[in-house]
Amino acid sequence: AYLDTLNGIDSSSRLGFALSLSVESTWVHRWSPGLMLASAAVESLLTYSEARGISARHAKTYAAIVAPLATRNAAGSRFVNAYRMRSKLVHGRLPSTTDDERLQDFAEWSRLLRQLWHEILTRPTMLAALQADDKTREAHFDSL
């Protein structure tokens, strides 16, 4: 069922770009580009505004998509922790000191991304909203 749904995604859309980034994140041989590609894919999936407060907005949206109401705070915190680590890397600070920690950081972004894709591909309304414009995305996310 996933493959049929994936084939229906317009490759030139933002959702198609997120899919491309997701696939590319699995092909790289180093943790840092893999983490950056996975986090860019997640941001492509969650973005609906260019306003300030992107990390909090993404955390709230991520939690609304993947977690039931009772566990959204924990899911949001998990996202914020991953986003902090990603921000350190983007700004030239190594967030982890050992290879094991770096692999765990990359694995966390891969988990976040897999959870999002699972929800998107199994919920037709989510898929439709993510293929639409920012206002539609925002309204859908607010309804969760």
N, C-alpha and C. Protein backbone atom coordinates (compact mmCIF):
# COMPACT_ATOMS: atom_id res chain seq x y z
N ALA A 1 0.82 -1.19 0.00
CA ALA A 1 0.00 0.00 0.00
C ALA A 1 0.86 1.25 0.00
N TYR A 2 2.01 1.22 0.72
CA TYR A 2 2.89 2.38 0.75
C TYR A 2 3.35 2.75 -0.66
N LEU A 3 3.75 1.75 -1.44
CA LEU A 3 4.28 2.04 -2.77
C LEU A 3 3.24 2.69 -3.67
N ASP A 4 2.01 2.23 -3.61
CA ASP A 4 0.95 2.86 -4.40
C ASP A 4 0.77 4.32 -4.00
N THR A 5 0.80 4.58 -2.71
CA THR A 5 0.66 5.95 -2.23
C THR A 5 1.86 6.80 -2.65
N LEU A 6 3.05 6.25 -2.53
CA LEU A 6 4.25 6.99 -2.92
C LEU A 6 4.23 7.36 -4.39
N ASN A 7 3.73 6.46 -5.22
CA ASN A 7 3.66 6.73 -6.66
C ASN A 7 2.73 7.88 -6.98
N GLY A 8 1.80 8.20 -6.09
CA GLY A 8 0.87 9.30 -6.32
C GLY A 8 1.39 10.67 -5.90
N ILE A 9 2.60 10.72 -5.36
CA ILE A 9 3.18 11.99 -4.92
C ILE A 9 3.86 12.67 -6.10
N ASP A 10 3.49 13.91 -6.34
CA ASP A 10 4.09 14.71 -7.41
C ASP A 10 5.55 14.99 -7.04
N SER A 11 6.47 14.51 -7.85
CA SER A 11 7.89 14.66 -7.54
C SER A 11 8.36 16.11 -7.54
N SER A 12 7.61 16.99 -8.18
CA SER A 12 8.01 18.40 -8.21
C SER A 12 7.39 19.21 -7.06
N SER A 13 6.61 18.56 -6.21
CA SER A 13 5.97 19.25 -5.09
C SER A 13 6.89 19.27 -3.86
N ARG A 14 6.50 20.02 -2.86
CA ARG A 14 7.26 20.04 -1.61
C ARG A 14 7.28 18.64 -0.99
N LEU A 15 6.17 17.95 -1.08
CA LEU A 15 6.12 16.58 -0.54
C LEU A 15 7.06 15.67 -1.33
N GLY A 16 7.11 15.86 -2.65
CA GLY A 16 8.04 15.10 -3.48
C GLY A 16 9.49 15.39 -3.11
N PHE A 17 9.78 16.67 -2.82
CA PHE A 17 11.12 17.05 -2.40
C PHE A 17 11.47 16.39 -1.07
N ALA A 18 10.52 16.38 -0.14
CA ALA A 18 10.74 15.72 1.16
C ALA A 18 11.01 14.23 0.96
N LEU A 19 10.30 13.62 0.04
CA LEU A 19 10.52 12.21 -0.26
C LEU A 19 11.92 11.98 -0.81
N SER A 20 12.34 12.84 -1.72
CA SER A 20 13.69 12.74 -2.29
C SER A 20 14.75 12.88 -1.20
N LEU A 21 14.60 13.87 -0.33
CA LEU A 21 15.55 14.06 0.77
C LEU A 21 15.56 12.84 1.70
N SER A 22 14.39 12.28 1.93
CA SER A 22 14.28 11.10 2.80
C SER A 22 15.07 9.93 2.24
N VAL A 23 14.89 9.68 0.96
CA VAL A 23 15.60 8.57 0.31
C VAL A 23 17.10 8.84 0.32
N GLU A 24 17.49 10.07 -0.04
CA GLU A 24 18.91 10.40 -0.07
C GLU A 24 19.55 10.26 1.31
N SER A 25 18.80 10.53 2.36
CA SER A 25 19.37 10.42 3.72
C SER A 25 19.76 8.98 4.05
N THR A 26 19.17 8.03 3.36
CA THR A 26 19.50 6.62 3.63
C THR A 26 20.68 6.13 2.79
N TRP A 27 21.07 6.89 1.79
CA TRP A 27 22.13 6.45 0.88
C TRP A 27 23.51 6.95 1.23
N VAL A 28 23.60 7.96 2.06
CA VAL A 28 24.90 8.55 2.35
C VAL A 28 25.71 7.65 3.28
N HIS A 29 27.01 7.84 3.24
CA HIS A 29 27.90 6.97 4.01
C HIS A 29 28.49 7.65 5.23
N ARG A 30 28.12 8.90 5.47
CA ARG A 30 28.61 9.61 6.65
C ARG A 30 27.42 10.10 7.45
N TRP A 31 27.58 10.15 8.75
CA TRP A 31 26.47 10.51 9.63
C TRP A 31 26.00 11.94 9.44
N SER A 32 26.93 12.89 9.25
CA SER A 32 26.52 14.30 9.21
C SER A 32 25.65 14.64 7.99
N PRO A 33 26.01 14.22 6.77
CA PRO A 33 25.10 14.52 5.66
C PRO A 33 23.79 13.74 5.79
N GLY A 34 23.84 12.55 6.34
CA GLY A 34 22.60 11.78 6.54
C GLY A 34 21.67 12.48 7.50
N LEU A 35 22.23 12.99 8.58
CA LEU A 35 21.42 13.72 9.56
C LEU A 35 20.85 15.00 8.94
N MET A 36 21.66 15.72 8.17
CA MET A 36 21.19 16.96 7.57
C MET A 36 20.09 16.69 6.54
N LEU A 37 20.23 15.65 5.75
CA LEU A 37 19.20 15.32 4.77
C LEU A 37 17.91 14.89 5.47
N ALA A 38 18.03 14.06 6.50
CA ALA A 38 16.84 13.61 7.23
C ALA A 38 16.14 14.79 7.91
N SER A 39 16.92 15.68 8.51
CA SER A 39 16.29 16.82 9.19
C SER A 39 15.67 17.78 8.17
N ALA A 40 16.30 17.93 7.01
CA ALA A 40 15.70 18.78 5.96
C ALA A 40 14.40 18.16 5.45
N ALA A 41 14.36 16.85 5.34
CA ALA A 41 13.12 16.18 4.93
C ALA A 41 12.02 16.40 5.96
N VAL A 42 12.34 16.27 7.23
CA VAL A 42 11.37 16.50 8.30
C VAL A 42 10.85 17.93 8.23
N GLU A 43 11.76 18.88 8.07
CA GLU A 43 11.33 20.28 7.99
C GLU A 43 10.45 20.52 6.77
N SER A 44 10.75 19.89 5.66
CA SER A 44 9.90 20.03 4.46
C SER A 44 8.50 19.51 4.72
N LEU A 45 8.40 18.45 5.50
CA LEU A 45 7.09 17.89 5.81
C LEU A 45 6.30 18.76 6.77
N LEU A 46 6.98 19.42 7.70
CA LEU A 46 6.29 20.14 8.77
C LEU A 46 6.08 21.63 8.49
N THR A 47 6.74 22.17 7.51
CA THR A 47 6.72 23.62 7.28
C THR A 47 5.40 24.10 6.67
N TYR A 48 4.92 25.21 7.23
CA TYR A 48 3.77 25.91 6.64
C TYR A 48 3.87 27.42 6.85
N SER A 49 4.96 27.87 7.48
CA SER A 49 5.11 29.30 7.76
C SER A 49 6.59 29.65 7.82
N GLU A 50 6.90 30.88 7.43
CA GLU A 50 8.27 31.39 7.54
C GLU A 50 8.44 32.29 8.76
N ALA A 51 7.43 32.36 9.60
CA ALA A 51 7.48 33.21 10.79
C ALA A 51 8.51 32.68 11.79
N ARG A 52 8.88 33.55 12.72
CA ARG A 52 9.80 33.15 13.80
C ARG A 52 9.19 32.02 14.62
N GLY A 53 10.06 31.33 15.36
CA GLY A 53 9.59 30.26 16.24
C GLY A 53 9.49 28.92 15.54
N ILE A 54 10.34 28.71 14.56
CA ILE A 54 10.23 27.50 13.73
C ILE A 54 10.41 26.21 14.54
N SER A 55 11.36 26.17 15.46
CA SER A 55 11.58 24.91 16.19
C SER A 55 10.39 24.56 17.06
N ALA A 56 9.80 25.53 17.75
CA ALA A 56 8.61 25.26 18.57
C ALA A 56 7.43 24.87 17.69
N ARG A 57 7.28 25.54 16.56
CA ARG A 57 6.17 25.22 15.64
C ARG A 57 6.33 23.82 15.08
N HIS A 58 7.54 23.48 14.67
CA HIS A 58 7.78 22.13 14.15
C HIS A 58 7.57 21.06 15.23
N ALA A 59 8.00 21.34 16.44
CA ALA A 59 7.81 20.38 17.53
C ALA A 59 6.33 20.15 17.78
N LYS A 60 5.56 21.22 17.81
CA LYS A 60 4.11 21.10 18.03
C LYS A 60 3.45 20.32 16.90
N THR A 61 3.83 20.62 15.68
CA THR A 61 3.24 19.95 14.52
C THR A 61 3.65 18.48 14.49
N TYR A 62 4.93 18.21 14.72
CA TYR A 62 5.40 16.82 14.76
C TYR A 62 4.61 16.02 15.79
N ALA A 63 4.49 16.57 16.99
CA ALA A 63 3.78 15.87 18.06
C ALA A 63 2.32 15.64 17.70
N ALA A 64 1.69 16.63 17.07
CA ALA A 64 0.28 16.48 16.69
C ALA A 64 0.09 15.38 15.65
N ILE A 65 1.07 15.22 14.79
CA ILE A 65 0.97 14.20 13.75
C ILE A 65 1.20 12.79 14.29
N VAL A 66 2.22 12.62 15.13
CA VAL A 66 2.65 11.27 15.49
C VAL A 66 2.16 10.76 16.84
N ALA A 67 1.65 11.65 17.70
CA ALA A 67 1.34 11.21 19.06
C ALA A 67 -0.10 11.50 19.44
N PRO A 68 -0.70 10.62 20.24
CA PRO A 68 -2.02 10.93 20.79
C PRO A 68 -1.89 12.10 21.77
N LEU A 69 -2.99 12.74 22.03
CA LEU A 69 -3.00 13.95 22.86
C LEU A 69 -2.26 13.75 24.19
N ALA A 70 -2.42 12.61 24.80
CA ALA A 70 -1.83 12.36 26.12
C ALA A 70 -0.31 12.34 26.11
N THR A 71 0.30 12.05 24.97
CA THR A 71 1.77 11.95 24.93
C THR A 71 2.42 13.00 24.02
N ARG A 72 1.66 14.01 23.64
CA ARG A 72 2.21 15.03 22.74
C ARG A 72 3.34 15.83 23.35
N ASN A 73 3.27 16.11 24.63
CA ASN A 73 4.37 16.87 25.25
C ASN A 73 5.68 16.10 25.16
N ALA A 74 5.63 14.81 25.41
CA ALA A 74 6.85 14.00 25.33
C ALA A 74 7.37 13.95 23.89
N ALA A 75 6.46 13.79 22.94
CA ALA A 75 6.87 13.76 21.54
C ALA A 75 7.46 15.09 21.11
N GLY A 76 6.86 16.18 21.56
CA GLY A 76 7.39 17.51 21.25
C GLY A 76 8.77 17.72 21.86
N SER A 77 8.96 17.26 23.07
CA SER A 77 10.27 17.38 23.73
C SER A 77 11.33 16.58 22.98
N ARG A 78 10.95 15.41 22.53
CA ARG A 78 11.88 14.58 21.76
C ARG A 78 12.32 15.32 20.49
N PHE A 79 11.35 15.96 19.84
CA PHE A 79 11.68 16.72 18.64
C PHE A 79 12.60 17.90 18.97
N VAL A 80 12.29 18.64 20.03
CA VAL A 80 13.11 19.80 20.43
C VAL A 80 14.54 19.36 20.71
N ASN A 81 14.73 18.25 21.39
CA ASN A 81 16.08 17.76 21.68
C ASN A 81 16.82 17.43 20.39
N ALA A 82 16.15 16.78 19.47
CA ALA A 82 16.78 16.46 18.19
C ALA A 82 17.10 17.74 17.41
N TYR A 83 16.19 18.70 17.47
CA TYR A 83 16.40 19.95 16.73
C TYR A 83 17.57 20.75 17.30
N ARG A 84 17.73 20.72 18.61
CA ARG A 84 18.89 21.38 19.24
C ARG A 84 20.19 20.78 18.72
N MET A 85 20.22 19.47 18.67
CA MET A 85 21.41 18.78 18.21
C MET A 85 21.67 19.11 16.74
N ARG A 86 20.64 19.17 15.92
CA ARG A 86 20.76 19.52 14.51
C ARG A 86 21.26 20.95 14.36
N SER A 87 20.76 21.85 15.19
CA SER A 87 21.19 23.25 15.12
C SER A 87 22.66 23.40 15.46
N LYS A 88 23.13 22.65 16.44
CA LYS A 88 24.55 22.69 16.78
C LYS A 88 25.38 22.28 15.57
N LEU A 89 24.98 21.23 14.92
CA LEU A 89 25.71 20.75 13.75
C LEU A 89 25.69 21.78 12.63
N VAL A 90 24.54 22.36 12.35
CA VAL A 90 24.41 23.36 11.29
C VAL A 90 25.31 24.57 11.56
N HIS A 91 25.47 24.92 12.82
CA HIS A 91 26.25 26.10 13.19
C HIS A 91 27.70 25.76 13.53
N GLY A 92 28.15 24.58 13.10
CA GLY A 92 29.56 24.23 13.19
C GLY A 92 30.04 23.68 14.51
N ARG A 93 29.12 23.29 15.36
CA ARG A 93 29.51 22.69 16.64
C ARG A 93 29.13 21.22 16.60
N LEU A 94 30.07 20.35 16.82
CA LEU A 94 29.75 18.93 16.82
C LEU A 94 28.90 18.62 18.05
N PRO A 95 27.68 18.13 17.83
CA PRO A 95 26.79 17.88 18.97
C PRO A 95 27.19 16.65 19.77
N SER A 96 27.95 15.77 19.17
CA SER A 96 28.32 14.52 19.83
C SER A 96 29.83 14.33 19.71
N THR A 97 30.39 13.60 20.64
CA THR A 97 31.84 13.46 20.64
C THR A 97 32.33 12.09 20.20
N THR A 98 31.49 11.08 20.26
CA THR A 98 31.94 9.75 19.86
C THR A 98 31.16 9.28 18.63
N ASP A 99 31.72 8.31 17.94
CA ASP A 99 31.03 7.76 16.78
C ASP A 99 29.69 7.16 17.17
N ASP A 100 29.63 6.49 18.33
CA ASP A 100 28.37 5.91 18.79
C ASP A 100 27.31 6.99 19.02
N GLU A 101 27.70 8.09 19.65
CA GLU A 101 26.75 9.18 19.88
C GLU A 101 26.29 9.80 18.57
N ARG A 102 27.19 9.95 17.62
CA ARG A 102 26.84 10.53 16.33
C ARG A 102 25.86 9.62 15.59
N LEU A 103 26.11 8.35 15.65
CA LEU A 103 25.19 7.40 15.02
C LEU A 103 23.82 7.44 15.69
N GLN A 104 23.79 7.57 17.00
CA GLN A 104 22.52 7.70 17.72
C GLN A 104 21.78 8.97 17.32
N ASP A 105 22.51 10.06 17.13
CA ASP A 105 21.89 11.31 16.69
C ASP A 105 21.25 11.14 15.32
N PHE A 106 21.98 10.53 14.41
CA PHE A 106 21.44 10.29 13.07
C PHE A 106 20.24 9.34 13.14
N ALA A 107 20.34 8.32 13.97
CA ALA A 107 19.24 7.36 14.12
C ALA A 107 17.99 8.04 14.66
N GLU A 108 18.16 9.01 15.55
CA GLU A 108 17.00 9.73 16.09
C GLU A 108 16.28 10.49 14.97
N TRP A 109 17.02 11.18 14.12
CA TRP A 109 16.38 11.90 13.01
C TRP A 109 15.73 10.92 12.03
N SER A 110 16.35 9.77 11.83
CA SER A 110 15.74 8.76 10.97
C SER A 110 14.43 8.25 11.55
N ARG A 111 14.39 8.08 12.87
CA ARG A 111 13.15 7.65 13.54
C ARG A 111 12.05 8.71 13.40
N LEU A 112 12.42 9.96 13.64
CA LEU A 112 11.43 11.04 13.48
C LEU A 112 10.86 11.04 12.07
N LEU A 113 11.72 10.89 11.10
CA LEU A 113 11.30 10.91 9.70
C LEU A 113 10.42 9.71 9.37
N ARG A 114 10.81 8.53 9.83
CA ARG A 114 9.99 7.32 9.57
C ARG A 114 8.61 7.44 10.19
N GLN A 115 8.55 7.97 11.41
CA GLN A 115 7.25 8.13 12.06
C GLN A 115 6.36 9.08 11.26
N LEU A 116 6.92 10.16 10.78
CA LEU A 116 6.13 11.11 9.98
C LEU A 116 5.63 10.45 8.70
N TRP A 117 6.52 9.78 7.99
CA TRP A 117 6.10 9.15 6.73
C TRP A 117 5.03 8.08 6.97
N HIS A 118 5.16 7.33 8.05
CA HIS A 118 4.13 6.33 8.35
C HIS A 118 2.77 6.99 8.50
N GLU A 119 2.71 8.05 9.27
CA GLU A 119 1.44 8.75 9.48
C GLU A 119 0.92 9.37 8.18
N ILE A 120 1.80 9.95 7.41
CA ILE A 120 1.39 10.59 6.15
C ILE A 120 0.85 9.57 5.17
N LEU A 121 1.53 8.45 5.05
CA LEU A 121 1.15 7.46 4.05
C LEU A 121 -0.05 6.61 4.45
N THR A 122 -0.38 6.61 5.73
CA THR A 122 -1.52 5.80 6.17
C THR A 122 -2.77 6.64 6.44
N ARG A 123 -2.66 7.95 6.30
CA ARG A 123 -3.80 8.84 6.54
C ARG A 123 -4.05 9.69 5.30
N PRO A 124 -5.04 9.33 4.49
CA PRO A 124 -5.29 10.06 3.24
C PRO A 124 -5.49 11.56 3.42
N THR A 125 -6.12 11.98 4.51
CA THR A 125 -6.32 13.42 4.71
C THR A 125 -4.99 14.13 4.96
N MET A 126 -4.08 13.45 5.63
CA MET A 126 -2.76 14.01 5.89
C MET A 126 -2.00 14.15 4.57
N LEU A 127 -2.05 13.13 3.76
CA LEU A 127 -1.37 13.15 2.47
C LEU A 127 -1.90 14.30 1.61
N ALA A 128 -3.20 14.44 1.55
CA ALA A 128 -3.80 15.50 0.74
C ALA A 128 -3.40 16.89 1.27
N ALA A 129 -3.42 17.07 2.58
CA ALA A 129 -3.07 18.37 3.16
C ALA A 129 -1.61 18.73 2.88
N LEU A 130 -0.73 17.75 2.95
CA LEU A 130 0.69 18.02 2.74
C LEU A 130 1.03 18.28 1.28
N GLN A 131 0.14 17.92 0.39
CA GLN A 131 0.36 18.22 -1.02
C GLN A 131 -0.24 19.57 -1.41
N ALA A 132 -0.86 20.23 -0.46
CA ALA A 132 -1.52 21.51 -0.72
C ALA A 132 -0.62 22.68 -0.31
N ASP A 133 -1.20 23.87 -0.31
CA ASP A 133 -0.45 25.08 0.03
C ASP A 133 -0.29 25.23 1.54
N ASP A 134 0.44 26.27 1.93
CA ASP A 134 0.74 26.49 3.35
C ASP A 134 -0.52 26.70 4.20
N LYS A 135 -1.48 27.44 3.69
CA LYS A 135 -2.71 27.69 4.46
C LYS A 135 -3.46 26.39 4.72
N THR A 136 -3.51 25.53 3.74
CA THR A 136 -4.18 24.23 3.90
C THR A 136 -3.42 23.37 4.90
N ARG A 137 -2.09 23.36 4.78
CA ARG A 137 -1.27 22.61 5.74
C ARG A 137 -1.53 23.10 7.16
N GLU A 138 -1.47 24.42 7.34
CA GLU A 138 -1.66 24.97 8.67
C GLU A 138 -3.02 24.61 9.24
N ALA A 139 -4.06 24.75 8.43
CA ALA A 139 -5.42 24.42 8.90
C ALA A 139 -5.51 22.93 9.27
N HIS A 140 -4.89 22.08 8.48
CA HIS A 140 -4.92 20.64 8.79
C HIS A 140 -4.18 20.35 10.10
N PHE A 141 -2.98 20.91 10.22
CA PHE A 141 -2.20 20.68 11.43
C PHE A 141 -2.93 21.20 12.67
N ASP A 142 -3.60 22.35 12.54
CA ASP A 142 -4.36 22.92 13.66
C ASP A 142 -5.54 22.04 14.04
N SER A 143 -6.03 21.24 13.09
CA SER A 143 -7.19 20.40 13.38
C SER A 143 -6.82 19.10 14.11
N LEU A 144 -5.54 18.81 14.20
CA LEU A 144 -5.11 17.55 14.82
C LEU A 144 -5.14 17.64 16.34
